[in-house]
Amino acid sequence: MTATGTTPLRGNRKSAAPRPARATAPRRRRLTERGSKILAFVVLTAPMLLGLALFRYVAIGWSFLLSFSEARRTISLGKWVGLDNYKDLLSDERFRDSLTMIVLFTAMIVPVTFAASLGLAVLVNRVRRGRAFFRTAFLLPAAVSYVAAAMIWKMALFSGVPSGLANTLGALFGADATPWIQTQSPPLYWIVLVTLRLWLQVGLYMILFIAGLQSIPPHLYEAASLDGAGPWRTFRSITFPMLRNTSVAILLLMLIAALQAFDEFYAIFSTGASLGSEPVRTPLMHLYGVALQDQDYGVGSAGAFLLTLLIVLVTLLQGRILGFSRDKD
């Protein structure tokens, strides 16, 4: 009885004991699946990351080294000159004039674009029917190439010939044909530049303002209506203050875009010859001539970092004055 009684008990103990292999199998499977996902992520993102590192960060670092060396007609590091490239660029009267010109352009285009975008956003947001049509119609120019739009403005709208659209409209009121781009006193070319930039950008910023308008609680307008507030007082007391963060972000985008202006200026004023005779010359146009035409890559790289520093300072100044993001009161 003892032998027959103890044999089943030993067998039960052996069958009840856990098996390590079976217990760790799900864990190993999870580790294998996780490793496969990590491997797939690395394989899919490695080409993009390598291209980003090679063509952006390595290029930026190499350009930074070039700005401290004498690099003419070559992108190899030459004689170390320290800050001489920066000093030569800042002592160049043409570069200083280009900085003055871009500041003047920014001071003109940013307030006009801001006001036009905000006004259109308020009007379109009040439309009950056809709102999607108006948003699409105003946004379409943002997808147009700056160069293509500049050529239309230069060769069709403000061509200077009597058959141009601007001169045709002027002839209806008895005005003579005007060479808009060539006229420097008064500087009528500013009309060409401002209208072109307005047409290209106002729709995009209008969409951003509409997004900000739709985030304003409707009960605020209902309370203002019960208090008898008119449209202007409602806009001044509710709409504009509630759009503070949106306005700060849009102003930042406008400032950066204005300081980086190049395409439309080059397409309108360039004649294909050596740069230097244009009535309007932006910093990027000057650096284009220095780096790609004169092939002085050291001074060109120094100018690129000076312009970057200018944009960063303007951004920080705006953030200091207006605040990058503040809670709505």
Protein backbone atom coordinates (compact mmCIF):
# COMPACT_ATOMS: atom_id res chain seq x y z
CA MET A 1 0.00 0.00 0.00
CA THR A 2 2.87 2.33 0.71
CA ALA A 3 4.40 1.82 -2.73
CA THR A 4 1.13 2.11 -4.52
CA GLY A 5 0.19 5.15 -2.46
CA THR A 6 3.39 7.10 -2.98
CA THR A 7 3.77 6.57 -6.72
CA PRO A 8 0.80 8.71 -7.75
CA LEU A 9 1.89 11.44 -5.33
CA ARG A 10 5.34 11.65 -6.93
CA GLY A 11 3.75 11.73 -10.36
CA ASN A 12 1.44 14.56 -9.30
CA ARG A 13 4.38 16.61 -7.99
CA LYS A 14 6.21 16.22 -11.28
CA SER A 15 3.16 17.21 -13.35
CA ALA A 16 2.39 20.24 -11.15
CA ALA A 17 5.93 21.64 -11.38
CA PRO A 18 6.17 24.68 -13.81
CA ARG A 19 8.23 24.33 -16.94
CA PRO A 20 10.57 27.32 -17.52
CA ALA A 21 10.61 26.86 -21.28
CA ARG A 22 6.84 27.26 -21.61
CA ALA A 23 6.75 30.21 -19.18
CA THR A 24 9.40 32.21 -21.03
CA ALA A 25 8.07 31.51 -24.54
CA PRO A 26 5.55 34.40 -24.59
CA ARG A 27 8.19 36.76 -23.24
CA ARG A 28 10.64 35.73 -25.92
CA ARG A 29 7.95 36.17 -28.54
CA ARG A 30 7.23 39.70 -27.31
CA LEU A 31 10.93 40.55 -27.38
CA THR A 32 11.23 39.18 -30.90
CA GLU A 33 8.23 41.21 -32.09
CA ARG A 34 9.60 44.34 -30.44
CA GLY A 35 13.00 43.80 -32.05
CA SER A 36 11.34 43.33 -35.44
CA LYS A 37 9.46 46.62 -35.06
CA ILE A 38 12.63 48.46 -34.05
CA LEU A 39 14.50 46.95 -36.99
CA ALA A 40 11.72 47.93 -39.39
CA PHE A 41 11.71 51.49 -37.98
CA VAL A 42 15.48 51.78 -38.41
CA VAL A 43 15.39 50.42 -41.96
CA LEU A 44 12.57 52.75 -43.03
CA THR A 45 13.90 55.92 -41.41
CA ALA A 46 17.64 55.42 -41.96
CA PRO A 47 17.69 56.76 -45.56
CA MET A 48 15.79 59.89 -44.57
CA LEU A 49 17.92 60.50 -41.48
CA LEU A 50 21.15 59.95 -43.40
CA GLY A 51 20.04 62.30 -46.16
CA LEU A 52 18.95 64.89 -43.60
CA ALA A 53 22.26 64.66 -41.76
CA LEU A 54 24.37 64.74 -44.92
CA PHE A 55 22.62 67.41 -46.96
CA ARG A 56 21.48 69.65 -44.12
CA TYR A 57 23.45 69.41 -40.90
CA VAL A 58 26.79 68.47 -42.42
CA ALA A 59 26.30 71.14 -45.08
CA ILE A 60 25.44 73.76 -42.44
CA GLY A 61 28.49 72.81 -40.38
CA TRP A 62 30.77 72.93 -43.42
CA SER A 63 29.34 76.31 -44.44
CA PHE A 64 30.02 77.59 -40.94
CA LEU A 65 33.68 76.55 -41.27
CA LEU A 66 33.87 78.15 -44.72
CA SER A 67 32.72 81.46 -43.25
CA PHE A 68 36.00 81.61 -41.28
CA SER A 69 38.28 80.67 -44.16
CA GLU A 70 39.35 82.07 -47.50
CA ALA A 71 37.34 79.99 -49.96
CA ARG A 72 37.28 81.45 -53.46
CA ARG A 73 36.27 79.28 -56.40
CA THR A 74 36.38 76.25 -54.15
CA ILE A 75 34.38 74.79 -51.29
CA SER A 76 37.49 73.36 -49.65
CA LEU A 77 38.72 74.95 -46.46
CA GLY A 78 41.43 77.45 -47.28
CA LYS A 79 43.44 79.88 -45.22
CA TRP A 80 41.91 80.58 -41.82
CA VAL A 81 40.88 84.26 -41.75
CA GLY A 82 38.73 84.34 -38.64
CA LEU A 83 36.14 87.13 -38.69
CA ASP A 84 37.57 88.89 -41.73
CA ASN A 85 34.79 87.61 -44.01
CA TYR A 86 32.17 89.03 -41.65
CA LYS A 87 34.01 92.36 -41.44
CA ASP A 88 34.38 92.59 -45.22
CA LEU A 89 30.69 91.88 -45.70
CA LEU A 90 29.55 94.43 -43.12
CA SER A 91 31.87 97.04 -44.64
CA ASP A 92 30.36 96.45 -48.09
CA GLU A 93 28.03 99.36 -48.84
CA ARG A 94 25.93 97.25 -51.21
CA PHE A 95 25.22 94.70 -48.50
CA ARG A 96 24.27 97.41 -46.01
CA ASP A 97 21.95 98.94 -48.61
CA SER A 98 20.33 95.54 -49.12
CA LEU A 99 19.71 95.27 -45.38
CA THR A 100 18.08 98.71 -45.40
CA MET A 101 15.97 97.71 -48.38
CA ILE A 102 14.72 94.48 -46.81
CA VAL A 103 13.86 96.27 -43.57
CA LEU A 104 11.86 98.81 -45.60
CA PHE A 105 10.12 96.04 -47.50
CA THR A 106 9.32 94.20 -44.25
CA ALA A 107 7.94 97.38 -42.69
CA MET A 108 5.60 97.80 -45.67
CA ILE A 109 4.46 94.27 -46.45
CA VAL A 110 3.93 92.86 -42.95
CA PRO A 111 1.30 95.38 -41.68
CA VAL A 112 -0.54 95.39 -45.02
CA THR A 113 -0.64 91.59 -45.26
CA PHE A 114 -1.64 91.26 -41.61
CA ALA A 115 -4.54 93.70 -41.95
CA ALA A 116 -5.75 92.24 -45.26
CA SER A 117 -5.59 88.65 -43.98
CA LEU A 118 -7.42 89.47 -40.77
CA GLY A 119 -10.09 91.49 -42.56
CA LEU A 120 -10.74 88.75 -45.11
CA ALA A 121 -10.84 86.13 -42.36
CA VAL A 122 -13.50 88.06 -40.46
CA LEU A 123 -15.60 88.55 -43.60
CA VAL A 124 -15.32 84.94 -44.81
CA ASN A 125 -16.03 83.59 -41.34
CA ARG A 126 -19.35 85.49 -41.33
CA VAL A 127 -20.47 84.00 -44.63
CA ARG A 128 -23.19 81.42 -44.13
CA ARG A 129 -23.22 79.89 -47.61
CA GLY A 130 -20.27 79.30 -49.86
CA ARG A 131 -17.66 79.62 -47.10
CA ALA A 132 -15.66 76.67 -48.44
CA PHE A 133 -15.62 78.24 -51.91
CA PHE A 134 -14.21 81.54 -50.66
CA ARG A 135 -11.59 79.81 -48.52
CA THR A 136 -10.43 77.72 -51.47
CA ALA A 137 -10.45 80.69 -53.85
CA PHE A 138 -8.27 82.82 -51.58
CA LEU A 139 -5.97 79.92 -50.68
CA LEU A 140 -5.19 78.82 -54.25
CA PRO A 141 -2.56 81.55 -54.90
CA ALA A 142 -0.50 80.17 -52.01
CA ALA A 143 0.20 77.09 -54.15
CA VAL A 144 1.57 79.16 -57.05
CA SER A 145 5.31 79.40 -57.54
CA TYR A 146 6.79 82.78 -56.61
CA VAL A 147 8.80 82.82 -59.82
CA ALA A 148 5.77 82.04 -62.00
CA ALA A 149 3.68 84.71 -60.28
CA ALA A 150 6.52 87.24 -60.58
CA MET A 151 6.78 86.62 -64.33
CA ILE A 152 3.02 87.18 -64.70
CA TRP A 153 3.29 90.46 -62.78
CA LYS A 154 6.34 91.50 -64.81
CA MET A 155 5.22 90.53 -68.31
CA ALA A 156 1.43 90.88 -68.17
CA LEU A 157 0.10 93.02 -65.34
CA PHE A 158 2.86 95.65 -64.95
CA SER A 159 4.78 95.16 -68.19
CA GLY A 160 5.07 98.89 -68.87
CA VAL A 161 3.68 98.62 -72.41
CA PRO A 162 0.27 100.15 -73.25
CA SER A 163 -1.25 96.67 -73.61
CA GLY A 164 -0.37 95.73 -70.03
CA LEU A 165 -3.28 95.28 -67.67
CA ALA A 166 -2.29 98.09 -65.31
CA ASN A 167 -1.75 100.55 -68.16
CA THR A 168 -4.96 99.43 -69.86
CA LEU A 169 -6.93 100.21 -66.72
CA GLY A 170 -5.08 103.49 -66.36
CA ALA A 171 -5.94 104.44 -69.94
CA LEU A 172 -9.63 104.24 -69.07
CA PHE A 173 -9.05 107.19 -66.72
CA GLY A 174 -6.84 109.09 -69.15
CA ALA A 175 -3.46 108.08 -67.69
CA ASP A 176 -0.42 107.56 -69.88
CA ALA A 177 1.43 104.25 -70.12
CA THR A 178 3.78 103.90 -67.15
CA PRO A 179 6.93 101.72 -66.91
CA TRP A 180 6.09 100.46 -63.44
CA ILE A 181 9.21 98.41 -62.78
CA GLN A 182 11.71 100.85 -64.29
CA THR A 183 10.30 103.98 -62.64
CA GLN A 184 12.44 104.85 -59.61
CA SER A 185 11.23 108.38 -58.88
CA PRO A 186 8.69 107.87 -57.46
CA PRO A 187 9.52 104.19 -56.80
CA LEU A 188 6.49 102.63 -58.49
CA TYR A 189 8.13 99.20 -58.39
CA TRP A 190 7.01 98.94 -54.76
CA ILE A 191 3.42 98.67 -56.03
CA VAL A 192 4.45 95.65 -58.09
CA LEU A 193 6.23 93.97 -55.18
CA VAL A 194 3.59 94.62 -52.55
CA THR A 195 0.63 93.54 -54.71
CA LEU A 196 2.51 90.40 -55.76
CA ARG A 197 3.36 89.38 -52.20
CA LEU A 198 -0.19 90.17 -51.08
CA TRP A 199 -1.71 87.96 -53.77
CA LEU A 200 0.60 85.09 -52.87
CA GLN A 201 0.33 85.16 -49.08
CA VAL A 202 -2.92 86.72 -47.95
CA GLY A 203 -4.95 83.53 -48.50
CA LEU A 204 -2.68 81.35 -46.38
CA TYR A 205 -2.72 83.71 -43.42
CA MET A 206 -6.46 84.19 -43.84
CA ILE A 207 -6.93 80.44 -43.29
CA LEU A 208 -4.86 80.62 -40.11
CA PHE A 209 -6.93 83.53 -38.83
CA ILE A 210 -10.15 81.65 -39.62
CA ALA A 211 -8.90 78.73 -37.54
CA GLY A 212 -8.31 81.15 -34.67
CA LEU A 213 -11.75 82.74 -35.10
CA GLN A 214 -13.49 79.38 -34.95
CA SER A 215 -11.83 78.63 -31.61
CA ILE A 216 -13.45 81.67 -29.93
CA PRO A 217 -16.38 80.59 -27.72
CA PRO A 218 -19.72 81.69 -29.29
CA HIS A 219 -21.21 82.67 -25.94
CA LEU A 220 -18.91 85.69 -25.81
CA TYR A 221 -20.52 87.09 -28.95
CA GLU A 222 -23.97 86.29 -27.58
CA ALA A 223 -23.20 88.22 -24.40
CA ALA A 224 -21.87 91.15 -26.43
CA SER A 225 -25.02 91.15 -28.56
CA LEU A 226 -27.21 91.25 -25.47
CA ASP A 227 -25.20 94.19 -24.19
CA GLY A 228 -25.84 96.05 -27.44
CA ALA A 229 -22.21 96.07 -28.63
CA GLY A 230 -21.73 96.96 -32.29
CA PRO A 231 -19.49 95.11 -34.79
CA TRP A 232 -16.45 97.36 -34.26
CA ARG A 233 -16.67 97.21 -30.47
CA THR A 234 -17.14 93.43 -30.60
CA PHE A 235 -14.08 93.08 -32.77
CA ARG A 236 -11.99 95.38 -30.58
CA SER A 237 -13.09 93.89 -27.24
CA ILE A 238 -13.52 90.20 -28.09
CA THR A 239 -12.25 89.08 -31.48
CA PHE A 240 -8.85 90.74 -31.63
CA PRO A 241 -7.84 90.03 -27.99
CA MET A 242 -8.84 86.38 -28.38
CA LEU A 243 -6.67 86.14 -31.50
CA ARG A 244 -3.55 87.21 -29.65
CA ASN A 245 -1.64 83.92 -29.89
CA THR A 246 -2.69 83.41 -33.50
CA SER A 247 -1.62 86.96 -34.36
CA VAL A 248 1.79 86.53 -32.75
CA ALA A 249 2.43 83.31 -34.67
CA ILE A 250 1.31 84.86 -37.98
CA LEU A 251 3.45 87.95 -37.43
CA LEU A 252 6.44 85.71 -36.81
CA LEU A 253 5.82 83.82 -40.06
CA MET A 254 5.39 87.08 -41.97
CA LEU A 255 8.60 88.57 -40.63
CA ILE A 256 10.67 85.50 -41.48
CA ALA A 257 9.16 85.27 -44.98
CA ALA A 258 9.81 88.97 -45.63
CA LEU A 259 13.43 88.84 -44.46
CA GLN A 260 14.06 85.81 -46.68
CA ALA A 261 12.60 87.43 -49.81
CA PHE A 262 14.45 86.45 -52.96
CA ASP A 263 12.43 84.71 -55.69
CA GLU A 264 10.12 87.50 -56.80
CA PHE A 265 12.83 90.16 -56.50
CA TYR A 266 15.26 88.18 -58.61
CA ALA A 267 12.63 87.24 -61.21
CA ILE A 268 11.40 90.82 -61.60
CA PHE A 269 14.64 92.81 -61.47
CA SER A 270 17.31 90.40 -62.73
CA THR A 271 18.34 90.86 -66.36
CA GLY A 272 20.52 87.76 -66.58
CA ALA A 273 23.74 89.76 -66.35
CA SER A 274 25.86 90.32 -63.28
CA LEU A 275 23.89 91.50 -60.29
CA GLY A 276 24.44 95.03 -59.09
CA SER A 277 22.26 97.35 -61.15
CA GLU A 278 18.89 96.44 -59.64
CA PRO A 279 16.86 99.22 -58.01
CA VAL A 280 15.87 96.77 -55.25
CA ARG A 281 18.48 94.38 -53.89
CA THR A 282 17.71 92.04 -51.01
CA PRO A 283 20.41 90.43 -48.83
CA LEU A 284 19.82 87.05 -50.44
CA MET A 285 20.25 88.59 -53.90
CA HIS A 286 23.54 90.10 -52.79
CA LEU A 287 24.73 86.81 -51.31
CA TYR A 288 23.66 84.99 -54.48
CA GLY A 289 25.90 87.28 -56.51
CA VAL A 290 28.81 86.92 -54.08
CA ALA A 291 28.65 83.14 -53.72
CA LEU A 292 27.47 81.89 -57.11
CA GLN A 293 28.64 84.59 -59.50
CA ASP A 294 31.83 85.85 -57.83
CA GLN A 295 32.34 82.37 -56.30
CA ASP A 296 33.50 83.74 -52.98
CA TYR A 297 32.04 81.02 -50.81
CA GLY A 298 33.70 82.24 -47.64
CA VAL A 299 32.03 85.65 -47.71
CA GLY A 300 28.79 84.10 -48.98
CA SER A 301 28.69 81.68 -46.06
CA ALA A 302 29.39 84.51 -43.63
CA GLY A 303 26.48 86.46 -45.11
CA ALA A 304 24.16 83.47 -44.72
CA PHE A 305 24.92 83.23 -41.01
CA LEU A 306 24.60 87.00 -40.57
CA LEU A 307 21.14 86.89 -42.12
CA THR A 308 20.24 83.92 -39.92
CA LEU A 309 21.39 85.87 -36.88
CA LEU A 310 19.25 88.82 -37.96
CA ILE A 311 16.16 86.61 -38.26
CA VAL A 312 16.82 85.06 -34.84
CA LEU A 313 17.23 88.50 -33.24
CA VAL A 314 14.01 89.76 -34.81
CA THR A 315 12.20 86.64 -33.60
CA LEU A 316 13.50 87.04 -30.06
CA LEU A 317 12.65 90.74 -30.08
CA GLN A 318 9.11 89.99 -31.17
CA GLY A 319 8.82 87.32 -28.49
CA ARG A 320 10.10 89.81 -25.93
CA ILE A 321 7.60 92.50 -26.93
CA LEU A 322 4.49 90.47 -27.81
CA GLY A 323 5.15 87.15 -26.13
CA PHE A 324 5.32 83.87 -28.01
CA SER A 325 2.33 82.38 -26.22
CA ARG A 326 0.23 83.85 -23.48
CA ASP A 327 -3.00 82.75 -21.93
CA LYS A 328 -6.14 84.45 -23.16
CA ASP A 329 -7.51 86.80 -20.56
